[in-house]
Amino acid sequence: MTSSTHHLHPTGLCTLVGAGPGDPELLTLKALKAIQAATVLLVDDLVSDEIVAYARPGARIVHVGKRGGCKSTPQEFIEKLMIMAVREGENVVRLKGGDPFIFGRGGEEVEHLQAAGITVKVINGITAGLAAVTSLGVPLTHRLHAHGVVFITGHAKPGDSGTDWRALADTAHKAKLTLVIYMGVSGSRHIQDELLTALPATTPVAVIQSASLPTQRHIVCTLAELRASVEHEHLASPSVIVVGDVLQGLLALQQTPQAVQAA
């Protein structure tokens, strides 16, 4: 009877914490406090060592890598670890790259933990799609160029047909939307071909790898040049692809020296 009561009334805590895009200075104060208070941290692959270093001495740190195309810890196992640790009275922090609720599977984790009778807190983090364009000095929305922004994944789960890129391109063109595509580099040829059915070939595109980190690299090109530019510069995951007229000024700046050289 004692054990079942213990399971119904867990003494531990569980918090999903957004670690932001990588730069430790982009952590929120709330996230920093949660990391410092944790006794157990389950850490995603994309969280930088500098952020993990904020953990208090003696905290148990478990690396549970979740990166596209790489060997990763099964989601079910991560959720079981979280539940077990909370029931043992630990202060558990699930430390996730970016924001837990934007392509971080945070929604699934909250559902599983709540089903197990565990209350979960969530602390937002700056998502990579926002940090990436900000690092280039470009907004995601602009009164002249973009009335809204769409965050979307370029990686469909097995058995899913994935995004209807043609319909999205048509909507983006008509409604003046900026597209921010996560996990899209490996499928950039398909994405480019589909978007070109409704967006002009001259639409500006940026691809930003490792946003906010010292290793950040990026390209700016037109939609027609997307795949060739990605291959030429050997850009890889984790990268964000941004498509839209908010990048017009950046593209014009890049093209000016070429025009001068050609003359």
Protein backbone atom coordinates (compact mmCIF):
# COMPACT_ATOMS: atom_id res chain seq x y z
CA MET A 1 0.00 0.00 0.00
CA THR A 2 2.87 2.33 0.84
CA SER A 3 4.47 1.96 -2.57
CA SER A 4 1.25 2.69 -4.45
CA THR A 5 0.68 5.79 -2.35
CA HIS A 6 4.23 6.85 -3.13
CA HIS A 7 3.51 6.46 -6.84
CA LEU A 8 0.34 8.50 -6.60
CA HIS A 9 2.08 11.32 -4.76
CA PRO A 10 5.56 11.72 -6.22
CA THR A 11 7.79 13.92 -4.12
CA GLY A 12 10.10 14.93 -6.97
CA LEU A 13 9.79 17.69 -9.52
CA CYS A 14 9.94 17.68 -13.31
CA THR A 15 10.67 20.66 -15.53
CA LEU A 16 11.15 20.82 -19.28
CA VAL A 17 13.68 23.57 -19.89
CA GLY A 18 14.46 25.25 -23.20
CA ALA A 19 18.23 25.72 -23.44
CA GLY A 20 17.91 28.08 -26.39
CA PRO A 21 19.88 27.89 -29.64
CA GLY A 22 23.29 27.26 -28.07
CA ASP A 23 24.77 30.53 -26.84
CA PRO A 24 24.66 30.25 -23.02
CA GLU A 25 23.94 33.98 -22.71
CA LEU A 26 20.62 33.44 -24.50
CA LEU A 27 19.29 31.32 -21.60
CA THR A 28 16.44 32.88 -19.65
CA LEU A 29 17.00 33.59 -15.97
CA LYS A 30 14.26 31.10 -15.16
CA ALA A 31 16.00 28.39 -17.20
CA LEU A 32 19.32 29.09 -15.47
CA LYS A 33 17.73 28.81 -12.01
CA ALA A 34 16.07 25.50 -12.95
CA ILE A 35 19.35 24.06 -14.25
CA GLN A 36 21.19 25.11 -11.08
CA ALA A 37 18.50 23.56 -8.85
CA ALA A 38 18.26 20.21 -10.65
CA THR A 39 19.55 16.98 -9.08
CA VAL A 40 19.11 15.05 -12.35
CA LEU A 41 19.50 16.55 -15.84
CA LEU A 42 18.51 14.68 -18.99
CA VAL A 43 20.37 16.58 -21.69
CA ASP A 44 19.70 16.70 -25.43
CA ASP A 45 22.54 16.33 -27.91
CA LEU A 46 22.25 19.91 -29.16
CA VAL A 47 22.70 21.52 -25.73
CA SER A 48 26.17 23.07 -25.43
CA ASP A 49 28.67 22.00 -22.76
CA GLU A 50 28.80 25.61 -21.51
CA ILE A 51 25.12 25.39 -20.56
CA VAL A 52 25.46 21.97 -18.92
CA ALA A 53 28.34 23.44 -16.87
CA TYR A 54 25.76 25.52 -14.95
CA ALA A 55 24.53 22.34 -13.24
CA ARG A 56 25.32 22.20 -9.54
CA PRO A 57 28.15 19.96 -8.30
CA GLY A 58 26.92 16.44 -7.68
CA ALA A 59 23.99 16.65 -10.10
CA ARG A 60 23.55 13.52 -12.20
CA ILE A 61 23.84 14.38 -15.88
CA VAL A 62 22.45 11.92 -18.42
CA HIS A 63 23.08 12.64 -22.10
CA VAL A 64 20.12 11.50 -24.20
CA GLY A 65 21.07 12.50 -27.73
CA LYS A 66 18.26 13.40 -30.12
CA ARG A 67 19.71 14.52 -33.43
CA GLY A 68 18.32 13.79 -36.90
CA GLY A 69 20.25 11.15 -38.80
CA CYS A 70 22.27 10.05 -35.75
CA LYS A 71 21.90 7.25 -33.25
CA SER A 72 19.59 8.54 -30.55
CA THR A 73 18.08 7.46 -27.26
CA PRO A 74 14.54 6.07 -27.75
CA GLN A 75 11.89 8.54 -26.64
CA GLU A 76 10.11 5.90 -24.52
CA PHE A 77 13.33 5.26 -22.58
CA ILE A 78 13.81 8.97 -21.88
CA GLU A 79 10.25 9.25 -20.57
CA LYS A 80 10.72 6.18 -18.32
CA LEU A 81 13.93 7.68 -16.90
CA MET A 82 12.13 10.94 -16.13
CA ILE A 83 9.23 9.17 -14.37
CA MET A 84 11.54 6.92 -12.34
CA ALA A 85 13.71 9.82 -11.19
CA VAL A 86 10.72 11.95 -10.15
CA ARG A 87 9.26 9.03 -8.18
CA GLU A 88 12.60 8.68 -6.39
CA GLY A 89 12.21 12.28 -5.22
CA GLU A 90 14.66 13.90 -7.65
CA ASN A 91 14.40 17.41 -9.07
CA VAL A 92 14.46 16.44 -12.74
CA VAL A 93 15.23 18.87 -15.56
CA ARG A 94 14.79 17.74 -19.14
CA LEU A 95 17.14 20.13 -20.93
CA LYS A 96 16.20 20.59 -24.57
CA GLY A 97 17.77 22.61 -27.38
CA GLY A 98 15.75 25.66 -28.43
CA ASP A 99 12.21 25.64 -27.03
CA PRO A 100 10.61 22.46 -25.62
CA PHE A 101 7.35 23.12 -27.45
CA ILE A 102 8.78 23.91 -30.91
CA PHE A 103 9.88 20.64 -32.54
CA GLY A 104 11.24 19.44 -29.20
CA ARG A 105 8.71 16.67 -28.54
CA GLY A 106 7.86 18.51 -25.36
CA GLY A 107 4.15 18.00 -25.92
CA GLU A 108 4.58 14.21 -26.00
CA GLU A 109 6.68 14.24 -22.84
CA VAL A 110 4.16 16.36 -20.95
CA GLU A 111 1.33 14.00 -21.96
CA HIS A 112 3.24 10.88 -20.81
CA LEU A 113 4.29 12.45 -17.51
CA GLN A 114 0.78 13.72 -16.76
CA ALA A 115 -0.60 10.25 -17.56
CA ALA A 116 1.79 8.93 -14.90
CA GLY A 117 0.38 11.41 -12.37
CA ILE A 118 3.33 13.79 -12.53
CA THR A 119 2.96 17.57 -12.69
CA VAL A 120 5.30 19.15 -15.22
CA LYS A 121 6.53 22.72 -15.55
CA VAL A 122 7.78 24.09 -18.87
CA ILE A 123 10.27 26.94 -19.29
CA ASN A 124 10.52 28.49 -22.74
CA GLY A 125 13.77 28.88 -24.65
CA ILE A 126 14.66 30.96 -27.69
CA THR A 127 14.05 28.72 -30.69
CA ALA A 128 16.81 28.32 -33.30
CA GLY A 129 14.61 29.70 -36.09
CA LEU A 130 14.34 33.04 -34.32
CA ALA A 131 17.98 33.23 -33.22
CA ALA A 132 19.19 32.29 -36.71
CA VAL A 133 17.61 35.21 -38.57
CA THR A 134 18.32 37.65 -35.74
CA SER A 135 22.02 36.77 -36.02
CA LEU A 136 21.88 38.04 -39.62
CA GLY A 137 20.22 41.30 -38.54
CA VAL A 138 16.96 40.35 -40.25
CA PRO A 139 13.42 40.25 -38.79
CA LEU A 140 10.97 37.39 -39.27
CA THR A 141 8.08 39.84 -39.75
CA HIS A 142 8.13 43.23 -41.45
CA ARG A 143 5.26 45.55 -42.30
CA LEU A 144 6.34 45.75 -45.95
CA HIS A 145 7.60 42.21 -46.56
CA ALA A 146 6.02 39.69 -44.19
CA HIS A 147 2.69 39.68 -42.39
CA GLY A 148 3.48 36.49 -40.50
CA VAL A 149 5.86 33.60 -40.03
CA VAL A 150 5.50 29.82 -40.32
CA PHE A 151 7.73 27.48 -38.29
CA ILE A 152 7.69 24.10 -40.01
CA THR A 153 9.69 20.89 -40.01
CA GLY A 154 11.33 19.59 -43.17
CA HIS A 155 11.63 16.13 -41.66
CA ALA A 156 8.57 13.88 -41.84
CA LYS A 157 8.28 11.02 -39.38
CA PRO A 158 8.26 7.48 -40.90
CA GLY A 159 4.94 6.65 -42.53
CA ASP A 160 3.89 10.31 -42.74
CA SER A 161 3.53 11.94 -46.16
CA GLY A 162 5.03 15.12 -44.69
CA THR A 163 4.32 18.74 -45.51
CA ASP A 164 2.35 19.78 -48.58
CA TRP A 165 5.06 22.19 -49.72
CA ARG A 166 3.14 23.29 -52.82
CA ALA A 167 0.12 24.38 -50.80
CA LEU A 168 2.38 26.07 -48.27
CA ALA A 169 4.29 27.93 -50.99
CA ASP A 170 1.04 29.16 -52.52
CA THR A 171 -0.19 30.41 -49.13
CA ALA A 172 3.16 31.99 -48.27
CA HIS A 173 3.18 33.85 -51.59
CA LYS A 174 -0.40 35.13 -51.27
CA ALA A 175 -0.30 35.94 -47.54
CA LYS A 176 3.28 37.33 -47.43
CA LEU A 177 4.66 34.80 -44.95
CA THR A 178 8.24 34.04 -43.95
CA LEU A 179 8.97 30.30 -43.90
CA VAL A 180 11.33 28.98 -41.25
CA ILE A 181 12.16 25.35 -41.98
CA TYR A 182 13.76 23.17 -39.33
CA MET A 183 15.56 19.91 -40.19
CA GLY A 184 15.26 20.63 -43.89
CA VAL A 185 18.85 20.52 -45.20
CA SER A 186 18.88 16.82 -46.12
CA GLY A 187 15.63 17.29 -48.06
CA SER A 188 16.47 20.71 -49.49
CA ARG A 189 16.34 19.56 -53.12
CA HIS A 190 12.76 18.30 -52.74
CA ILE A 191 11.74 21.36 -50.70
CA GLN A 192 13.25 23.69 -53.32
CA ASP A 193 11.48 21.96 -56.21
CA GLU A 194 8.12 22.02 -54.43
CA LEU A 195 8.35 25.64 -53.26
CA LEU A 196 9.28 26.77 -56.79
CA THR A 197 5.80 25.70 -57.96
CA ALA A 198 4.34 28.83 -56.33
CA LEU A 199 7.19 31.07 -55.19
CA PRO A 200 9.36 33.09 -57.62
CA ALA A 201 12.81 31.64 -58.36
CA THR A 202 14.27 34.95 -57.16
CA THR A 203 12.78 34.59 -53.64
CA PRO A 204 15.60 35.18 -51.11
CA VAL A 205 16.70 32.26 -48.94
CA ALA A 206 19.14 31.95 -46.05
CA VAL A 207 20.51 28.75 -44.54
CA ILE A 208 22.04 29.12 -41.08
CA GLN A 209 24.01 26.30 -39.47
CA SER A 210 24.70 26.15 -35.70
CA ALA A 211 22.84 29.41 -35.01
CA SER A 212 24.25 31.58 -32.18
CA LEU A 213 27.34 29.40 -31.66
CA PRO A 214 30.94 30.41 -32.48
CA THR A 215 30.80 27.77 -35.25
CA GLN A 216 27.81 29.44 -36.96
CA ARG A 217 27.96 29.54 -40.78
CA HIS A 218 25.38 30.77 -43.27
CA ILE A 219 24.60 31.33 -46.92
CA VAL A 220 22.21 33.76 -48.61
CA CYS A 221 20.96 32.90 -52.08
CA THR A 222 17.81 32.72 -54.20
CA LEU A 223 15.34 29.85 -54.01
CA ALA A 224 16.55 28.64 -57.41
CA GLU A 225 20.10 28.36 -56.00
CA LEU A 226 19.20 26.70 -52.68
CA ARG A 227 20.33 23.10 -53.17
CA ALA A 228 23.45 24.00 -55.16
CA SER A 229 24.50 26.54 -52.52
CA VAL A 230 23.96 24.06 -49.65
CA GLU A 231 26.08 21.46 -51.45
CA HIS A 232 28.78 23.95 -52.40
CA GLU A 233 29.17 25.22 -48.82
CA HIS A 234 28.73 21.72 -47.28
CA LEU A 235 26.08 22.94 -44.85
CA ALA A 236 24.66 20.22 -42.63
CA SER A 237 22.44 19.65 -39.60
CA PRO A 238 21.64 21.46 -37.36
CA SER A 239 20.59 24.15 -39.82
CA VAL A 240 17.58 26.37 -40.35
CA ILE A 241 16.32 27.37 -43.81
CA VAL A 242 14.58 30.76 -44.01
CA VAL A 243 12.57 31.68 -47.10
CA GLY A 244 11.01 35.07 -47.76
CA ASP A 245 11.22 38.70 -48.77
CA VAL A 246 12.46 39.81 -45.32
CA LEU A 247 15.86 38.70 -46.70
CA GLN A 248 15.73 40.98 -49.77
CA GLY A 249 18.16 43.55 -48.36
CA LEU A 250 20.65 40.88 -47.32
CA LEU A 251 20.50 39.23 -50.74
CA ALA A 252 20.96 42.59 -52.48
CA LEU A 253 24.02 43.34 -50.32
CA GLN A 254 25.53 40.00 -51.25
CA GLN A 255 24.83 40.38 -54.95
CA THR A 256 26.27 43.94 -55.21
CA PRO A 257 29.98 42.97 -55.04
CA GLN A 258 29.39 40.29 -57.68
CA ALA A 259 27.76 42.83 -59.97
CA VAL A 260 30.71 45.23 -59.49
CA GLN A 261 33.22 42.46 -60.24
CA ALA A 262 31.31 41.45 -63.36
CA ALA A 263 31.38 45.06 -64.61
